[in-house]
Protein backbone atom coordinates (compact mmCIF):
# COMPACT_ATOMS: atom_id res chain seq x y z
CA MET A 1 4.89 90.29 60.87
CA MET A 2 6.77 87.38 59.31
CA LEU A 3 7.40 89.35 56.14
CA GLY A 4 8.66 92.32 58.18
CA MET A 5 11.04 90.07 60.08
CA THR A 6 12.26 88.56 56.78
CA THR A 7 12.90 92.02 55.31
CA GLU A 8 14.79 93.13 58.42
CA ARG A 9 16.84 89.93 58.40
CA THR A 10 17.65 90.46 54.71
CA ALA A 11 18.78 94.05 55.36
CA MET A 12 21.11 92.85 58.11
CA ALA A 13 22.41 90.14 55.78
CA LYS A 14 23.20 92.80 53.17
CA TRP A 15 25.21 94.85 55.65
CA TYR A 16 27.04 91.71 56.71
CA TRP A 17 27.91 90.68 53.17
CA VAL A 18 28.95 94.20 52.21
CA ALA A 19 31.34 94.33 55.17
CA VAL A 20 32.69 90.84 54.46
CA ILE A 21 33.20 91.42 50.72
CA CYS A 22 34.72 94.88 51.01
CA GLY A 23 36.89 93.84 53.95
CA GLY A 24 38.00 90.71 52.13
CA LEU A 25 38.83 92.59 48.93
CA GLY A 26 40.70 95.24 50.92
CA ILE A 27 42.79 92.66 52.77
CA PHE A 28 43.46 90.76 49.54
CA GLU A 29 44.54 93.85 47.58
CA ALA A 30 46.67 95.22 50.43
CA THR A 31 48.39 91.88 51.04
CA GLN A 32 49.01 91.24 47.36
CA THR A 33 50.43 94.74 46.78
CA VAL A 34 52.78 94.64 49.78
CA VAL A 35 53.98 91.07 49.18
CA VAL A 36 54.59 91.53 45.44
CA MET A 37 56.34 94.88 45.78
CA ARG A 38 58.56 93.63 48.59
CA ALA A 39 59.42 90.55 46.55
CA GLU A 40 60.52 92.83 43.70
CA GLY A 41 62.89 94.66 46.03
CA MET A 42 60.98 97.91 46.27
CA HIS A 43 61.25 100.08 49.35
CA HIS A 44 58.16 101.66 50.85
CA ALA A 45 56.55 102.18 54.25
CA TRP A 46 54.93 98.75 54.19
CA THR A 47 52.70 99.04 57.25
CA LYS A 48 51.40 102.43 56.15
CA LEU A 49 50.89 101.12 52.61
CA PHE A 50 48.87 98.16 53.89
CA ILE A 51 46.68 100.47 55.98
CA THR A 52 46.26 102.93 53.10
CA ILE A 53 45.07 100.28 50.65
CA LEU A 54 42.78 98.69 53.24
CA LEU A 55 41.20 102.05 54.13
CA SER A 56 40.62 102.82 50.44
CA TRP A 57 37.71 100.39 50.54
CA VAL A 58 35.86 102.25 53.31
CA PRO A 59 33.96 104.64 50.97
CA TRP A 60 32.68 101.71 48.92
CA ALA A 61 31.62 99.81 52.02
CA VAL A 62 29.69 102.87 53.21
CA ALA A 63 28.09 103.57 49.83
CA ALA A 64 27.27 99.96 48.87
CA GLN A 65 23.88 99.90 50.62
CA ALA A 66 22.81 103.12 48.89
CA VAL A 67 23.90 101.67 45.53
CA MET A 68 21.90 98.47 46.09
CA ARG A 69 18.86 100.46 47.22
CA LEU A 70 19.08 102.63 44.11
CA GLY A 71 19.45 99.50 41.98
CA ARG A 72 16.28 98.10 43.54
CA ASP A 73 14.30 101.31 43.06
CA TYR A 74 15.67 102.06 39.58
CA PRO A 75 16.66 98.85 37.72
CA VAL A 76 18.98 99.61 34.81
CA PHE A 77 17.33 97.19 32.37
CA HIS A 78 13.66 97.90 33.04
CA ARG A 79 11.21 100.44 31.70
CA GLY A 80 12.46 104.00 32.17
CA TRP A 81 16.07 102.87 31.80
CA ALA A 82 17.29 106.32 30.63
CA SER A 83 16.29 107.93 33.92
CA ALA A 84 17.75 104.99 35.84
CA TRP A 85 21.09 105.19 34.03
CA MET A 86 21.27 108.92 34.70
CA ARG A 87 20.66 108.41 38.41
CA HIS A 88 23.23 105.62 38.57
CA GLY A 89 25.70 107.79 36.67
CA VAL A 90 25.30 110.57 39.23
CA MET A 91 25.65 108.08 42.10
CA TRP A 92 28.75 106.50 40.58
CA MET A 93 30.40 109.89 40.03
CA ALA A 94 29.57 111.01 43.57
CA ILE A 95 31.13 107.86 45.01
CA LEU A 96 34.18 108.17 42.73
CA ILE A 97 34.78 111.80 43.80
CA SER A 98 34.24 110.95 47.48
CA ALA A 99 36.50 107.89 47.33
CA THR A 100 39.20 109.82 45.46
CA THR A 101 39.09 112.61 48.03
CA TRP A 102 39.19 110.11 50.91
CA ASN A 103 42.13 108.21 49.41
CA THR A 104 43.98 111.44 48.65
CA VAL A 105 43.67 112.63 52.25
CA ILE A 106 44.73 109.24 53.67
CA GLU A 107 47.66 108.92 51.28
CA GLY A 108 48.66 112.53 51.83
CA ARG A 109 48.77 112.00 55.59
CA LEU A 110 50.51 108.61 55.61
CA ASN A 111 52.59 109.06 52.42
CA PRO A 112 53.38 105.33 52.19
CA TRP A 113 54.87 105.30 48.69
CA THR A 114 57.70 107.83 48.98
CA PRO A 115 58.15 108.77 52.62
CA GLU A 116 61.30 110.72 51.83
CA SER A 117 59.62 112.86 49.19
CA THR A 118 56.59 115.18 49.38
CA THR A 119 56.84 116.89 46.01
CA SER A 120 53.25 116.17 44.84
CA THR A 121 50.53 118.51 46.00
CA LEU A 122 47.19 117.14 47.19
CA LEU A 123 45.47 118.52 44.06
CA GLU A 124 47.95 116.78 41.76
CA LEU A 125 47.57 113.58 43.75
CA TRP A 126 43.76 113.87 43.57
CA ARG A 127 43.83 114.28 39.78
CA LEU A 128 46.15 111.32 39.35
CA LYS A 129 44.07 109.05 41.57
CA PHE A 130 40.80 110.16 39.95
CA THR A 131 42.13 109.27 36.48
CA ASN A 132 43.48 105.90 37.65
CA GLU A 133 40.30 104.90 39.49
CA VAL A 134 37.65 105.73 36.85
CA LEU A 135 37.56 102.31 35.17
CA GLY A 136 38.02 100.28 38.36
CA SER A 137 35.30 102.20 40.18
CA LEU A 138 32.88 101.68 37.28
CA ILE A 139 33.46 97.92 37.36
CA LEU A 140 33.12 97.90 41.16
CA TYR A 141 29.86 99.88 40.96
CA ALA A 142 28.46 97.35 38.46
CA GLY A 143 29.57 94.51 40.76
CA ILE A 144 27.70 96.03 43.71
CA LEU A 145 24.58 96.37 41.57
CA LEU A 146 24.89 92.69 40.63
CA VAL A 147 25.28 91.59 44.26
CA GLY A 148 22.28 93.74 45.24
CA TRP A 149 20.19 92.22 42.43
CA ILE A 150 21.09 88.69 43.59
CA LEU A 151 20.21 89.44 47.22
CA ASP A 152 16.94 91.15 46.20
CA SER A 153 16.05 88.16 44.01
CA ARG A 154 16.60 85.83 46.95
CA GLU A 155 14.45 88.07 49.14
CA ARG A 156 11.65 88.18 46.56
CA LEU A 157 11.79 84.41 46.14
CA ALA A 158 11.67 83.87 49.93
CA ARG A 159 8.75 86.31 50.22
CA GLN A 160 6.86 84.64 47.38
CA ARG A 161 7.39 81.21 48.93
CA MET A 162 6.23 82.46 52.32
CA GLU A 163 3.16 84.14 50.83
CA ALA A 164 2.38 81.00 48.83
CA ALA A 165 2.72 78.87 51.96
CA GLN A 166 0.45 81.22 53.92
CA LEU A 167 -2.14 81.23 51.13
CA SER A 168 -1.97 77.44 50.90
CA GLU A 169 -2.44 77.15 54.67
CA GLN A 170 -5.39 79.55 54.60
CA LEU A 171 -6.93 77.67 51.68
CA THR A 172 -6.53 74.33 53.44
CA LYS A 173 -8.12 75.70 56.62
CA ALA A 174 -11.00 77.14 54.61
CA GLN A 175 -11.52 73.82 52.82
CA LEU A 176 -11.42 71.86 56.07
CA SER A 177 -13.86 74.26 57.72
CA ALA A 178 -16.20 73.97 54.74
CA LEU A 179 -16.03 70.17 54.85
CA ARG A 180 -16.70 70.13 58.57
CA GLN A 181 -19.63 72.52 58.18
CA GLN A 182 -21.08 70.05 55.68
CA ILE A 183 -20.98 67.23 58.24
CA GLU A 184 -22.73 69.04 61.07
CA PRO A 185 -25.94 70.11 59.22
CA HIS A 186 -26.06 66.73 57.44
CA PHE A 187 -26.01 64.85 60.72
CA LEU A 188 -28.36 67.34 62.40
CA PHE A 189 -31.02 67.06 59.69
CA ASN A 190 -30.85 63.26 59.75
CA THR A 191 -31.29 63.25 63.51
CA LEU A 192 -34.19 65.70 63.38
CA ASN A 193 -35.88 63.51 60.77
CA THR A 194 -35.47 60.54 63.11
CA ILE A 195 -36.99 62.53 65.99
CA ALA A 196 -39.91 63.54 63.77
CA GLY A 197 -40.44 59.86 62.87
CA LEU A 198 -40.50 58.87 66.55
CA VAL A 199 -43.10 61.56 67.27
CA ARG A 200 -45.29 60.39 64.40
CA GLU A 201 -45.04 56.82 65.78
CA GLY A 202 -46.14 58.08 69.19
CA ARG A 203 -42.82 57.18 70.82
CA ASN A 204 -42.65 60.47 72.68
CA ASP A 205 -40.37 59.26 75.46
CA ASP A 206 -37.85 58.03 72.90
CA ALA A 207 -38.13 61.33 71.06
CA VAL A 208 -37.43 63.27 74.28
CA ASP A 209 -34.42 61.07 75.04
CA MET A 210 -33.13 61.63 71.54
CA ILE A 211 -33.56 65.41 71.83
CA ALA A 212 -31.61 65.36 75.11
CA GLY A 213 -28.90 63.26 73.52
CA LEU A 214 -28.77 65.56 70.50
CA SER A 215 -28.41 68.58 72.79
CA GLU A 216 -25.49 66.96 74.59
CA LEU A 217 -23.85 65.93 71.32
CA LEU A 218 -24.16 69.45 69.90
CA ARG A 219 -22.62 70.86 73.08
CA VAL A 220 -19.62 68.56 72.73
CA THR A 221 -19.36 69.30 69.00
CA LEU A 222 -19.33 73.06 69.58
CA LYS A 223 -16.65 72.58 72.23
CA THR A 224 -14.29 71.21 69.57
CA SER A 225 -15.49 73.39 66.68
CA ASP A 226 -12.24 75.40 66.57
CA ARG A 227 -10.01 72.31 66.32
CA GLN A 228 -9.36 70.25 63.22
CA GLU A 229 -7.79 67.46 65.31
CA VAL A 230 -8.83 66.01 68.67
CA LYS A 231 -7.85 63.08 70.86
CA LEU A 232 -9.19 59.74 69.66
CA GLY A 233 -10.82 59.41 73.08
CA GLU A 234 -12.79 62.63 72.49
CA GLU A 235 -13.81 61.43 69.03
CA LEU A 236 -15.04 58.13 70.47
CA GLU A 237 -17.07 60.00 73.10
CA MET A 238 -18.85 61.94 70.34
CA VAL A 239 -19.49 58.71 68.44
CA LYS A 240 -20.81 57.15 71.64
CA LYS A 241 -23.27 60.02 72.13
CA TYR A 242 -24.39 59.70 68.51
CA LEU A 243 -24.94 55.95 68.91
CA GLU A 244 -26.89 56.57 72.11
CA ILE A 245 -29.23 58.73 70.03
CA GLU A 246 -29.58 55.96 67.46
CA LYS A 247 -30.23 53.42 70.22
CA ALA A 248 -33.31 55.39 71.15
CA ARG A 249 -34.49 54.61 67.63
CA PHE A 250 -33.34 51.00 67.19
CA ALA A 251 -33.32 49.81 70.80
CA GLU A 252 -31.98 46.23 71.01
CA ARG A 253 -31.64 45.99 67.24
CA LEU A 254 -28.37 48.00 67.46
CA GLN A 255 -25.32 46.46 69.10
CA VAL A 256 -22.02 48.34 69.46
CA ASN A 257 -18.57 46.93 70.15
CA VAL A 258 -15.57 49.23 70.66
CA HIS A 259 -12.04 47.82 70.89
CA VAL A 260 -9.55 50.67 71.40
CA ALA A 261 -6.54 50.31 73.70
CA ALA A 262 -6.18 52.96 76.41
CA GLU A 263 -2.79 54.14 75.08
CA LEU A 264 -4.32 54.88 71.67
CA ARG A 265 -6.98 57.21 73.07
CA HIS A 266 -4.41 60.05 73.14
CA ALA A 267 -3.74 59.77 69.40
CA ARG A 268 -4.61 62.81 67.30
CA VAL A 269 -7.37 62.28 64.73
CA PRO A 270 -9.50 64.67 62.64
CA SER A 271 -12.54 65.80 64.58
CA LEU A 272 -15.86 64.26 63.46
CA ILE A 273 -14.02 61.81 61.21
CA LEU A 274 -15.73 58.69 62.59
CA GLN A 275 -19.26 60.07 62.87
CA PRO A 276 -20.16 59.99 59.14
CA ILE A 277 -18.64 56.50 58.80
CA VAL A 278 -20.63 55.20 61.77
CA GLU A 279 -23.73 56.94 60.43
CA ASN A 280 -23.30 55.11 57.11
CA ALA A 281 -22.86 51.82 58.96
CA VAL A 282 -26.11 52.40 60.83
CA LYS A 283 -27.99 53.53 57.74
CA HIS A 284 -26.84 50.78 55.37
CA GLY A 285 -25.98 47.97 57.77
CA ILE A 286 -28.63 48.20 60.46
CA ALA A 287 -31.65 50.27 59.44
CA ASN A 288 -32.70 48.04 56.53
CA ARG A 289 -32.50 44.80 58.53
CA VAL A 290 -35.44 43.64 60.63
CA GLN A 291 -33.14 41.86 63.04
CA GLY A 292 -30.77 44.81 63.24
CA GLY A 293 -27.07 44.15 63.61
CA ALA A 294 -23.80 45.06 65.24
CA ILE A 295 -21.29 47.81 64.64
CA GLY A 296 -17.65 47.37 65.61
CA ILE A 297 -15.06 50.11 66.06
CA ARG A 298 -11.40 49.15 66.31
CA ALA A 299 -8.09 51.09 66.45
CA GLU A 300 -4.62 49.71 65.82
CA ARG A 301 -1.14 51.17 65.61
CA LEU A 302 1.56 49.62 63.42
CA ASN A 303 4.86 51.15 62.20
CA GLY A 304 3.82 54.71 62.99
CA VAL A 305 0.43 54.35 61.28
CA LEU A 306 -2.89 54.56 63.12
CA THR A 307 -5.71 52.57 61.55
CA LEU A 308 -9.35 53.12 62.53
CA CYS A 309 -11.84 50.55 61.29
CA VAL A 310 -15.65 50.61 61.45
CA ARG A 311 -17.45 47.35 60.60
CA ASN A 312 -21.08 46.31 60.35
CA ASP A 313 -22.59 42.87 59.76
CA GLY A 314 -25.16 44.06 57.26
CA SER A 315 -24.94 43.95 53.49
CA GLY A 316 -21.58 44.65 51.84
CA PHE A 317 -20.69 47.50 49.52
CA PRO A 318 -21.80 47.18 45.90
CA GLU A 319 -19.11 47.08 43.21
CA ASP A 320 -19.91 50.60 42.04
CA TRP A 321 -20.06 52.01 45.56
CA GLU A 322 -17.86 54.99 44.66
CA HIS A 323 -20.52 56.26 42.24
CA GLN A 324 -23.20 55.77 44.89
CA ALA A 325 -21.19 57.14 47.82
CA GLY A 326 -22.92 59.93 49.64
CA LEU A 327 -21.58 63.05 51.27
CA GLY A 328 -20.13 61.23 54.28
CA LEU A 329 -17.40 59.09 52.69
CA LYS A 330 -16.51 61.72 50.09
CA ASN A 331 -16.13 64.24 52.88
CA VAL A 332 -13.90 61.88 54.89
CA ARG A 333 -11.63 61.25 51.92
CA GLU A 334 -11.27 64.96 51.10
CA ARG A 335 -10.49 65.86 54.71
CA LEU A 336 -7.82 63.17 54.96
CA ALA A 337 -6.24 64.39 51.73
CA SER A 338 -6.25 68.01 52.94
CA LEU A 339 -4.77 67.19 56.35
CA TYR A 340 -2.26 64.45 55.53
CA GLY A 341 -1.89 64.28 51.76
CA LYS A 342 -0.69 60.90 50.50
CA GLU A 343 0.18 59.76 54.03
CA ALA A 344 -3.50 59.00 54.73
CA LYS A 345 -5.73 56.42 53.09
CA LEU A 346 -9.41 55.44 53.07
CA THR A 347 -10.16 51.76 52.41
CA VAL A 348 -13.63 50.35 51.82
CA GLY A 349 -14.52 46.67 51.49
CA SER A 350 -16.94 43.85 52.21
CA GLY A 351 -16.52 40.99 54.64
CA GLU A 352 -15.80 37.44 53.49
CA THR A 353 -19.37 36.27 54.14
CA SER A 354 -21.33 39.42 54.99
CA GLY A 355 -20.99 42.91 56.31
CA ALA A 356 -18.80 45.82 55.25
CA PHE A 357 -15.95 47.84 56.66
CA VAL A 358 -14.39 51.28 56.25
CA ALA A 359 -10.80 51.74 57.40
CA ILE A 360 -8.85 54.98 57.81
CA SER A 361 -5.04 54.95 57.94
CA LEU A 362 -3.18 58.10 58.97
CA PRO A 363 0.19 59.05 60.53
CA TYR A 364 0.22 58.34 64.26
CA SER A 365 0.66 61.41 66.41
CA ASP A 366 0.30 61.41 70.18
CA VAL A 367 -1.08 64.49 71.94
CA GLN A 368 1.36 64.08 74.83
CA GLU A 369 4.30 63.75 72.44
CA VAL A 370 3.32 66.97 70.69
CA LYS A 371 3.19 68.82 74.03
CA GLU A 372 6.66 67.60 74.93
CA VAL A 373 8.07 68.81 71.61
CA LYS A 374 6.52 72.26 72.08
CA GLU A 375 7.94 72.54 75.59
């Protein structure tokens, strides 16, 4: 549809430029002829002469679109040039004969040059005008071909850019969907393994609670499956449901602290962006410690940048953490790059004494602000 609209817009632009160029050339030639000849003391029917010269451009204005179309279908410097030149020769001659006939009729009726004399017949006038207009019409025909080539080149460039943008958008969506589809099975399998462990330990009530929590989490996840971005509040609700599942496993060993201002809960963030980070915090910061630990989630806005930070008080990241990083953090980094490019950043570090943190920085965008812009 977009390409069709672009083609239609380009065709209208061609008609517009043809009318402007031919009209401008006609006015220029008519004005120059009348002014110069009057300045030299000649005597003619000046109004009729101006109209005659201006109307002489009508055949070229009418034929210009056909010339440009022929130039597009049969380029003069491409393969099969002999056939193209023959077709253009026929077109040029047809326009020259038509324009000569048109100008002869107009000049014969108005007779602007010698109103007091009508000695020349229409046939003699036609022959004279045909001879005088051969070279000028050939140059004008070549000029129209050049203008048509320029406009077609602009149209092809615009179409290629649009197609490239559409392909890039489709590729980005496909990549984001693939990344998201990696998260969901990864989390699901981990949770099912946890449920299986609870069953083997005989903690059936905890396993049932975890299954119920998993069912609710999957329902919420499917609800947002067609969106790459959600409200931060929705993302936090999904993280909360995930942590409730983990609490069935760790009980009092897992403590959660969330510090997010109410006004930031409308911010747009990638869906399921926090879940793999929180999962890593639980796995590396809590699971391996007998006493458990705490996980903190914080959001801040500064200078148009939203920063989300997940901390745990377990062991910090090793120096070669990037080589040991699993699917979760790699996935987060790739999604941020696909959605925001260089405007987003993933930062990983260890606390001063203990613990580790993962921070995400991305452009702040408010859901309510976006709605207002659309309206």
